[in-house]
Amino acid sequence: GTVTKVEFFANTNKLGEVVSPPYSFVWTN
């Protein structure tokens, strides 16, 4: 099938999510 989302976590805090490739997230602060 397909990947519908990729979520990024630091400890238990969700930093963000991406719904299409490339699966990357810019972590600020």
Full PDB file with SEQRES, HELIX, SHEET, SSBOND, CRYST1, ORIGX, SCALE, CONECT and MASTER records, all heavy atoms in Angstrom:
SEQRES   1 A   29  GLY THR VAL THR LYS VAL GLU PHE PHE ALA ASN THR ASN          
SEQRES   2 A   29  LYS LEU GLY GLU VAL VAL SER PRO PRO TYR SER PHE VAL          
SEQRES   3 A   29  TRP THR ASN                                                  
SHEET    1 AA1 2 VAL A   6  ALA A  10  0                                        
SHEET    2 AA1 2 ASN A  13  VAL A  18 -1                                        
CRYST1    1.000    1.000    1.000  90.00  90.00  90.00 P 1           1          
ORIGX1      1.000000  0.000000  0.000000        0.00000                         
ORIGX2      0.000000  1.000000  0.000000        0.00000                         
ORIGX3      0.000000  0.000000  1.000000        0.00000                         
SCALE1      1.000000  0.000000  0.000000        0.00000                         
SCALE2      0.000000  1.000000  0.000000        0.00000                         
SCALE3      0.000000  0.000000  1.000000        0.00000                         
ATOM      1  N   GLY A   1       0.835  -1.207   0.000  1.00  0.00           N  
ATOM      2  CA  GLY A   1       0.000   0.000   0.000  1.00  0.00           C  
ATOM      3  C   GLY A   1       0.859   1.242   0.000  1.00  0.00           C  
ATOM      4  O   GLY A   1       1.920   1.266  -0.614  1.00  0.00           O  
ATOM      5  N   THR A   2       0.399   2.249   0.738  1.00  0.00           N  
ATOM      6  CA  THR A   2       1.123   3.509   0.785  1.00  0.00           C  
ATOM      7  C   THR A   2       1.271   3.992   2.229  1.00  0.00           C  
ATOM      8  O   THR A   2       0.455   3.663   3.090  1.00  0.00           O  
ATOM      9  CB  THR A   2       0.376   4.607  -0.011  1.00  0.00           C  
ATOM     10  OG1 THR A   2      -0.931   4.756   0.541  1.00  0.00           O  
ATOM     11  CG2 THR A   2       0.279   4.268  -1.488  1.00  0.00           C  
ATOM     12  N   VAL A   3       2.294   4.759   2.453  1.00  0.00           N  
ATOM     13  CA  VAL A   3       2.487   5.424   3.740  1.00  0.00           C  
ATOM     14  C   VAL A   3       1.651   6.696   3.704  1.00  0.00           C  
ATOM     15  O   VAL A   3       1.743   7.485   2.763  1.00  0.00           O  
ATOM     16  CB  VAL A   3       3.983   5.753   3.971  1.00  0.00           C  
ATOM     17  CG1 VAL A   3       4.172   6.582   5.225  1.00  0.00           C  
ATOM     18  CG2 VAL A   3       4.801   4.472   4.034  1.00  0.00           C  
ATOM     19  N   THR A   4       0.806   6.878   4.711  1.00  0.00           N  
ATOM     20  CA  THR A   4      -0.062   8.056   4.724  1.00  0.00           C  
ATOM     21  C   THR A   4       0.472   9.187   5.596  1.00  0.00           C  
ATOM     22  O   THR A   4       0.095  10.335   5.407  1.00  0.00           O  
ATOM     23  CB  THR A   4      -1.482   7.691   5.204  1.00  0.00           C  
ATOM     24  OG1 THR A   4      -1.406   7.096   6.504  1.00  0.00           O  
ATOM     25  CG2 THR A   4      -2.134   6.725   4.216  1.00  0.00           C  
ATOM     26  N   LYS A   5       1.359   8.852   6.569  1.00  0.00           N  
ATOM     27  CA  LYS A   5       1.992   9.907   7.350  1.00  0.00           C  
ATOM     28  C   LYS A   5       3.168   9.343   8.134  1.00  0.00           C  
ATOM     29  O   LYS A   5       3.217   8.159   8.455  1.00  0.00           O  
ATOM     30  CB  LYS A   5       1.015  10.598   8.305  1.00  0.00           C  
ATOM     31  CG  LYS A   5       0.576   9.764   9.485  1.00  0.00           C  
ATOM     32  CD  LYS A   5      -0.337  10.576  10.402  1.00  0.00           C  
ATOM     33  CE  LYS A   5      -0.944   9.682  11.476  1.00  0.00           C  
ATOM     34  NZ  LYS A   5      -1.836  10.423  12.360  1.00  0.00           N  
ATOM     35  N   VAL A   6       4.114  10.224   8.406  1.00  0.00           N  
ATOM     36  CA  VAL A   6       5.251   9.917   9.267  1.00  0.00           C  
ATOM     37  C   VAL A   6       5.283  10.991  10.337  1.00  0.00           C  
ATOM     38  O   VAL A   6       5.270  12.191  10.029  1.00  0.00           O  
ATOM     39  CB  VAL A   6       6.576   9.878   8.479  1.00  0.00           C  
ATOM     40  CG1 VAL A   6       7.762   9.721   9.407  1.00  0.00           C  
ATOM     41  CG2 VAL A   6       6.548   8.751   7.451  1.00  0.00           C  
ATOM     42  N   GLU A   7       5.278  10.556  11.606  1.00  0.00           N  
ATOM     43  CA  GLU A   7       5.285  11.476  12.741  1.00  0.00           C  
ATOM     44  C   GLU A   7       6.663  11.461  13.402  1.00  0.00           C  
ATOM     45  O   GLU A   7       7.297  10.422  13.489  1.00  0.00           O  
ATOM     46  CB  GLU A   7       4.237  11.065  13.767  1.00  0.00           C  
ATOM     47  CG  GLU A   7       2.827  11.052  13.203  1.00  0.00           C  
ATOM     48  CD  GLU A   7       1.868  10.355  14.127  1.00  0.00           C  
ATOM     49  OE1 GLU A   7       1.855   9.103  14.124  1.00  0.00           O  
ATOM     50  OE2 GLU A   7       1.133  11.058  14.853  1.00  0.00           O  
ATOM     51  N   PHE A   8       7.087  12.616  13.904  1.00  0.00           N  
ATOM     52  CA  PHE A   8       8.383  12.779  14.537  1.00  0.00           C  
ATOM     53  C   PHE A   8       8.172  13.118  16.010  1.00  0.00           C  
ATOM     54  O   PHE A   8       7.375  14.002  16.332  1.00  0.00           O  
ATOM     55  CB  PHE A   8       9.160  13.904  13.851  1.00  0.00           C  
ATOM     56  CG  PHE A   8       9.450  13.609  12.401  1.00  0.00           C  
ATOM     57  CD1 PHE A   8       8.526  13.918  11.416  1.00  0.00           C  
ATOM     58  CD2 PHE A   8      10.636  13.011  12.034  1.00  0.00           C  
ATOM     59  CE1 PHE A   8       8.785  13.642  10.076  1.00  0.00           C  
ATOM     60  CE2 PHE A   8      10.911  12.733  10.700  1.00  0.00           C  
ATOM     61  CZ  PHE A   8       9.983  13.042   9.721  1.00  0.00           C  
ATOM     62  N   PHE A   9       8.901  12.416  16.894  1.00  0.00           N  
ATOM     63  CA  PHE A   9       8.745  12.587  18.336  1.00  0.00           C  
ATOM     64  C   PHE A   9      10.079  12.845  19.020  1.00  0.00           C  
ATOM     65  O   PHE A   9      11.098  12.263  18.652  1.00  0.00           O  
ATOM     66  CB  PHE A   9       8.130  11.330  18.966  1.00  0.00           C  
ATOM     67  CG  PHE A   9       6.741  11.024  18.501  1.00  0.00           C  
ATOM     68  CD1 PHE A   9       6.533  10.232  17.390  1.00  0.00           C  
ATOM     69  CD2 PHE A   9       5.642  11.539  19.178  1.00  0.00           C  
ATOM     70  CE1 PHE A   9       5.246   9.943  16.952  1.00  0.00           C  
ATOM     71  CE2 PHE A   9       4.356  11.258  18.753  1.00  0.00           C  
ATOM     72  CZ  PHE A   9       4.157  10.461  17.640  1.00  0.00           C  
ATOM     73  N   ALA A  10      10.053  13.696  20.040  1.00  0.00           N  
ATOM     74  CA  ALA A  10      11.161  13.878  20.977  1.00  0.00           C  
ATOM     75  C   ALA A  10      10.575  13.579  22.346  1.00  0.00           C  
ATOM     76  O   ALA A  10       9.651  14.259  22.805  1.00  0.00           O  
ATOM     77  CB  ALA A  10      11.715  15.297  20.935  1.00  0.00           C  
ATOM     78  N   ASN A  11      11.109  12.528  22.985  1.00  0.00           N  
ATOM     79  CA  ASN A  11      10.504  11.995  24.203  1.00  0.00           C  
ATOM     80  C   ASN A  11       9.061  11.633  23.868  1.00  0.00           C  
ATOM     81  O   ASN A  11       8.826  10.942  22.898  1.00  0.00           O  
ATOM     82  CB  ASN A  11      10.655  12.954  25.375  1.00  0.00           C  
ATOM     83  CG  ASN A  11      12.123  13.221  25.689  1.00  0.00           C  
ATOM     84  OD1 ASN A  11      12.952  12.315  25.615  1.00  0.00           O  
ATOM     85  ND2 ASN A  11      12.443  14.456  26.018  1.00  0.00           N  
ATOM     86  N   THR A  12       8.096  12.087  24.588  1.00  0.00           N  
ATOM     87  CA  THR A  12       6.704  11.774  24.245  1.00  0.00           C  
ATOM     88  C   THR A  12       6.022  12.918  23.503  1.00  0.00           C  
ATOM     89  O   THR A  12       4.835  12.833  23.203  1.00  0.00           O  
ATOM     90  CB  THR A  12       5.899  11.451  25.524  1.00  0.00           C  
ATOM     91  OG1 THR A  12       5.971  12.569  26.411  1.00  0.00           O  
ATOM     92  CG2 THR A  12       6.459  10.207  26.209  1.00  0.00           C  
ATOM     93  N   ASN A  13       6.770  13.966  23.186  1.00  0.00           N  
ATOM     94  CA  ASN A  13       6.194  15.134  22.513  1.00  0.00           C  
ATOM     95  C   ASN A  13       6.248  14.979  20.994  1.00  0.00           C  
ATOM     96  O   ASN A  13       7.315  14.752  20.423  1.00  0.00           O  
ATOM     97  CB  ASN A  13       6.956  16.403  22.907  1.00  0.00           C  
ATOM     98  CG  ASN A  13       6.913  16.656  24.386  1.00  0.00           C  
ATOM     99  OD1 ASN A  13       5.884  16.492  25.030  1.00  0.00           O  
ATOM    100  ND2 ASN A  13       8.046  17.034  24.947  1.00  0.00           N  
ATOM    101  N   LYS A  14       5.099  15.116  20.368  1.00  0.00           N  
ATOM    102  CA  LYS A  14       5.058  15.075  18.910  1.00  0.00           C  
ATOM    103  C   LYS A  14       5.582  16.391  18.376  1.00  0.00           C  
ATOM    104  O   LYS A  14       5.072  17.467  18.703  1.00  0.00           O  
ATOM    105  CB  LYS A  14       3.633  14.834  18.426  1.00  0.00           C  
ATOM    106  CG  LYS A  14       3.519  14.720  16.927  1.00  0.00           C  
ATOM    107  CD  LYS A  14       2.099  14.370  16.525  1.00  0.00           C  
ATOM    108  CE  LYS A  14       1.920  14.413  15.044  1.00  0.00           C  
ATOM    109  NZ  LYS A  14       0.542  14.070  14.661  1.00  0.00           N  
ATOM    110  N   LEU A  15       6.632  16.307  17.549  1.00  0.00           N  
ATOM    111  CA  LEU A  15       7.226  17.504  16.957  1.00  0.00           C  
ATOM    112  C   LEU A  15       6.478  17.935  15.710  1.00  0.00           C  
ATOM    113  O   LEU A  15       6.368  19.115  15.414  1.00  0.00           O  
ATOM    114  CB  LEU A  15       8.693  17.243  16.602  1.00  0.00           C  
ATOM    115  CG  LEU A  15       9.608  16.862  17.759  1.00  0.00           C  
ATOM    116  CD1 LEU A  15      10.975  16.455  17.239  1.00  0.00           C  
ATOM    117  CD2 LEU A  15       9.713  18.014  18.743  1.00  0.00           C  
ATOM    118  N   GLY A  16       5.985  16.959  14.959  1.00  0.00           N  
ATOM    119  CA  GLY A  16       5.280  17.274  13.725  1.00  0.00           C  
ATOM    120  C   GLY A  16       5.060  16.019  12.908  1.00  0.00           C  
ATOM    121  O   GLY A  16       5.421  14.921  13.327  1.00  0.00           O  
ATOM    122  N   GLU A  17       4.462  16.181  11.736  1.00  0.00           N  
ATOM    123  CA  GLU A  17       4.219  15.052  10.844  1.00  0.00           C  
ATOM    124  C   GLU A  17       4.312  15.503   9.397  1.00  0.00           C  
ATOM    125  O   GLU A  17       4.138  16.677   9.092  1.00  0.00           O  
ATOM    126  CB  GLU A  17       2.883  14.376  11.113  1.00  0.00           C  
ATOM    127  CG  GLU A  17       1.678  15.190  10.751  1.00  0.00           C  
ATOM    128  CD  GLU A  17       0.378  14.457  11.051  1.00  0.00           C  
ATOM    129  OE1 GLU A  17       0.165  14.040  12.200  1.00  0.00           O  
ATOM    130  OE2 GLU A  17      -0.439  14.330  10.118  1.00  0.00           O  
ATOM    131  N   VAL A  18       4.584  14.529   8.533  1.00  0.00           N  
ATOM    132  CA  VAL A  18       4.698  14.762   7.099  1.00  0.00           C  
ATOM    133  C   VAL A  18       3.852  13.701   6.411  1.00  0.00           C  
ATOM    134  O   VAL A  18       3.870  12.533   6.804  1.00  0.00           O  
ATOM    135  CB  VAL A  18       6.172  14.666   6.645  1.00  0.00           C  
ATOM    136  CG1 VAL A  18       6.296  14.893   5.158  1.00  0.00           C  
ATOM    137  CG2 VAL A  18       7.034  15.663   7.400  1.00  0.00           C  
ATOM    138  N   VAL A  19       3.104  14.083   5.373  1.00  0.00           N  
ATOM    139  CA  VAL A  19       2.197  13.141   4.722  1.00  0.00           C  
ATOM    140  C   VAL A  19       2.685  12.661   3.351  1.00  0.00           C  
ATOM    141  O   VAL A  19       2.021  11.856   2.716  1.00  0.00           O  
ATOM    142  CB  VAL A  19       0.768  13.734   4.601  1.00  0.00           C  
ATOM    143  CG1 VAL A  19       0.175  13.962   5.983  1.00  0.00           C  
ATOM    144  CG2 VAL A  19       0.776  15.004   3.782  1.00  0.00           C  
ATOM    145  N   SER A  20       3.835  13.153   2.899  1.00  0.00           N  
ATOM    146  CA  SER A  20       4.380  12.682   1.624  1.00  0.00           C  
ATOM    147  C   SER A  20       5.904  12.790   1.661  1.00  0.00           C  
ATOM    148  O   SER A  20       6.461  13.594   2.405  1.00  0.00           O  
ATOM    149  CB  SER A  20       3.809  13.496   0.460  1.00  0.00           C  
ATOM    150  OG  SER A  20       4.146  14.856   0.593  1.00  0.00           O  
ATOM    151  N   PRO A  21       6.570  11.950   0.858  1.00  0.00           N  
ATOM    152  CA  PRO A  21       8.033  12.003   0.844  1.00  0.00           C  
ATOM    153  C   PRO A  21       8.525  13.298   0.203  1.00  0.00           C  
ATOM    154  O   PRO A  21       7.792  13.882  -0.597  1.00  0.00           O  
ATOM    155  CB  PRO A  21       8.432  10.793   0.020  1.00  0.00           C  
ATOM    156  CG  PRO A  21       7.203  10.257  -0.612  1.00  0.00           C  
ATOM    157  CD  PRO A  21       6.023  10.913   0.027  1.00  0.00           C  
ATOM    158  N   PRO A  22       9.699  13.736   0.533  1.00  0.00           N  
ATOM    159  CA  PRO A  22      10.639  13.144   1.487  1.00  0.00           C  
ATOM    160  C   PRO A  22      10.151  13.373   2.920  1.00  0.00           C  
ATOM    161  O   PRO A  22       9.600  14.429   3.234  1.00  0.00           O  
ATOM    162  CB  PRO A  22      11.943  13.887   1.235  1.00  0.00           C  
ATOM    163  CG  PRO A  22      11.520  15.226   0.719  1.00  0.00           C  
ATOM    164  CD  PRO A  22      10.237  14.974  -0.044  1.00  0.00           C  
ATOM    165  N   TYR A  23      10.337  12.373   3.748  1.00  0.00           N  
ATOM    166  CA  TYR A  23       9.879  12.440   5.133  1.00  0.00           C  
ATOM    167  C   TYR A  23      10.947  13.113   5.980  1.00  0.00           C  
ATOM    168  O   TYR A  23      11.852  12.476   6.500  1.00  0.00           O  
ATOM    169  CB  TYR A  23       9.552  11.040   5.659  1.00  0.00           C  
ATOM    170  CG  TYR A  23       8.512  10.340   4.816  1.00  0.00           C  
ATOM    171  CD1 TYR A  23       8.844   9.219   4.078  1.00  0.00           C  
ATOM    172  CD2 TYR A  23       7.205  10.804   4.758  1.00  0.00           C  
ATOM    173  CE1 TYR A  23       7.890   8.565   3.304  1.00  0.00           C  
ATOM    174  CE2 TYR A  23       6.253  10.169   3.989  1.00  0.00           C  
ATOM    175  CZ  TYR A  23       6.602   9.052   3.262  1.00  0.00           C  
ATOM    176  OH  TYR A  23       5.661   8.422   2.487  1.00  0.00           O  
ATOM    177  N   SER A  24      10.839  14.418   6.092  1.00  0.00           N  
ATOM    178  CA  SER A  24      11.800  15.178   6.897  1.00  0.00           C  
ATOM    179  C   SER A  24      11.073  16.293   7.629  1.00  0.00           C  
ATOM    180  O   SER A  24      10.021  16.766   7.197  1.00  0.00           O  
ATOM    181  CB  SER A  24      12.921  15.733   6.027  1.00  0.00           C  
ATOM    182  OG  SER A  24      12.417  16.651   5.086  1.00  0.00           O  
ATOM    183  N   PHE A  25      11.672  16.667   8.753  1.00  0.00           N  
ATOM    184  CA  PHE A  25      11.068  17.676   9.614  1.00  0.00           C  
ATOM    185  C   PHE A  25      12.173  18.572  10.148  1.00  0.00           C  
ATOM    186  O   PHE A  25      13.209  18.077  10.597  1.00  0.00           O  
ATOM    187  CB  PHE A  25      10.326  16.996  10.770  1.00  0.00           C  
ATOM    188  CG  PHE A  25       9.718  17.957  11.751  1.00  0.00           C  
ATOM    189  CD1 PHE A  25       8.529  18.601  11.473  1.00  0.00           C  
ATOM    190  CD2 PHE A  25      10.357  18.242  12.942  1.00  0.00           C  
ATOM    191  CE1 PHE A  25       7.974  19.506  12.363  1.00  0.00           C  
ATOM    192  CE2 PHE A  25       9.817  19.138  13.840  1.00  0.00           C  
ATOM    193  CZ  PHE A  25       8.623  19.774  13.544  1.00  0.00           C  
ATOM    194  N   VAL A  26      11.959  19.880  10.106  1.00  0.00           N  
ATOM    195  CA  VAL A  26      12.926  20.823  10.651  1.00  0.00           C  
ATOM    196  C   VAL A  26      12.565  21.098  12.101  1.00  0.00           C  
ATOM    197  O   VAL A  26      11.500  21.651  12.391  1.00  0.00           O  
ATOM    198  CB  VAL A  26      12.949  22.145   9.845  1.00  0.00           C  
ATOM    199  CG1 VAL A  26      13.918  23.128  10.473  1.00  0.00           C  
ATOM    200  CG2 VAL A  26      13.314  21.875   8.396  1.00  0.00           C  
ATOM    201  N   TRP A  27      13.434  20.694  13.014  1.00  0.00           N  
ATOM    202  CA  TRP A  27      13.216  20.868  14.449  1.00  0.00           C  
ATOM    203  C   TRP A  27      13.872  22.170  14.868  1.00  0.00           C  
ATOM    204  O   TRP A  27      15.084  22.316  14.788  1.00  0.00           O  
ATOM    205  CB  TRP A  27      13.798  19.688  15.202  1.00  0.00           C  
ATOM    206  CG  TRP A  27      13.488  19.612  16.659  1.00  0.00           C  
ATOM    207  CD1 TRP A  27      12.533  20.300  17.331  1.00  0.00           C  
ATOM    208  CD2 TRP A  27      14.143  18.794  17.624  1.00  0.00           C  
ATOM    209  NE1 TRP A  27      12.543  19.956  18.659  1.00  0.00           N  
ATOM    210  CE2 TRP A  27      13.523  19.030  18.861  1.00  0.00           C  
ATOM    211  CE3 TRP A  27      15.187  17.878  17.556  1.00  0.00           C  
ATOM    212  CZ2 TRP A  27      13.927  18.389  20.022  1.00  0.00           C  
ATOM    213  CZ3 TRP A  27      15.573  17.239  18.706  1.00  0.00           C  
ATOM    214  CH2 TRP A  27      14.948  17.491  19.933  1.00  0.00           C  
ATOM    215  N   THR A  28      13.081  23.130  15.311  1.00  0.00           N  
ATOM    216  CA  THR A  28      13.600  24.424  15.748  1.00  0.00           C  
ATOM    217  C   THR A  28      13.436  24.563  17.255  1.00  0.00           C  
ATOM    218  O   THR A  28      12.672  23.820  17.877  1.00  0.00           O  
ATOM    219  CB  THR A  28      12.868  25.578  15.037  1.00  0.00           C  
ATOM    220  OG1 THR A  28      11.476  25.485  15.323  1.00  0.00           O  
ATOM    221  CG2 THR A  28      13.090  25.528  13.533  1.00  0.00           C  
ATOM    222  N   ASN A  29      14.140  25.509  17.833  1.00  0.00           N  
ATOM    223  CA  ASN A  29      14.089  25.764  19.280  1.00  0.00           C  
ATOM    224  C   ASN A  29      14.342  24.477  20.076  1.00  0.00           C  
ATOM    225  O   ASN A  29      13.581  24.128  20.978  1.00  0.00           O  
ATOM    226  CB  ASN A  29      12.751  26.383  19.687  1.00  0.00           C  
ATOM    227  CG  ASN A  29      12.512  27.698  18.991  1.00  0.00           C  
ATOM    228  OD1 ASN A  29      13.420  28.515  18.884  1.00  0.00           O  
ATOM    229  ND2 ASN A  29      11.319  27.900  18.497  1.00  0.00           N  
TER     230      ASN A  29                                                      
MASTER        0    0    0    0    2    0    0    6  229    1    0    3          
END                                                                             
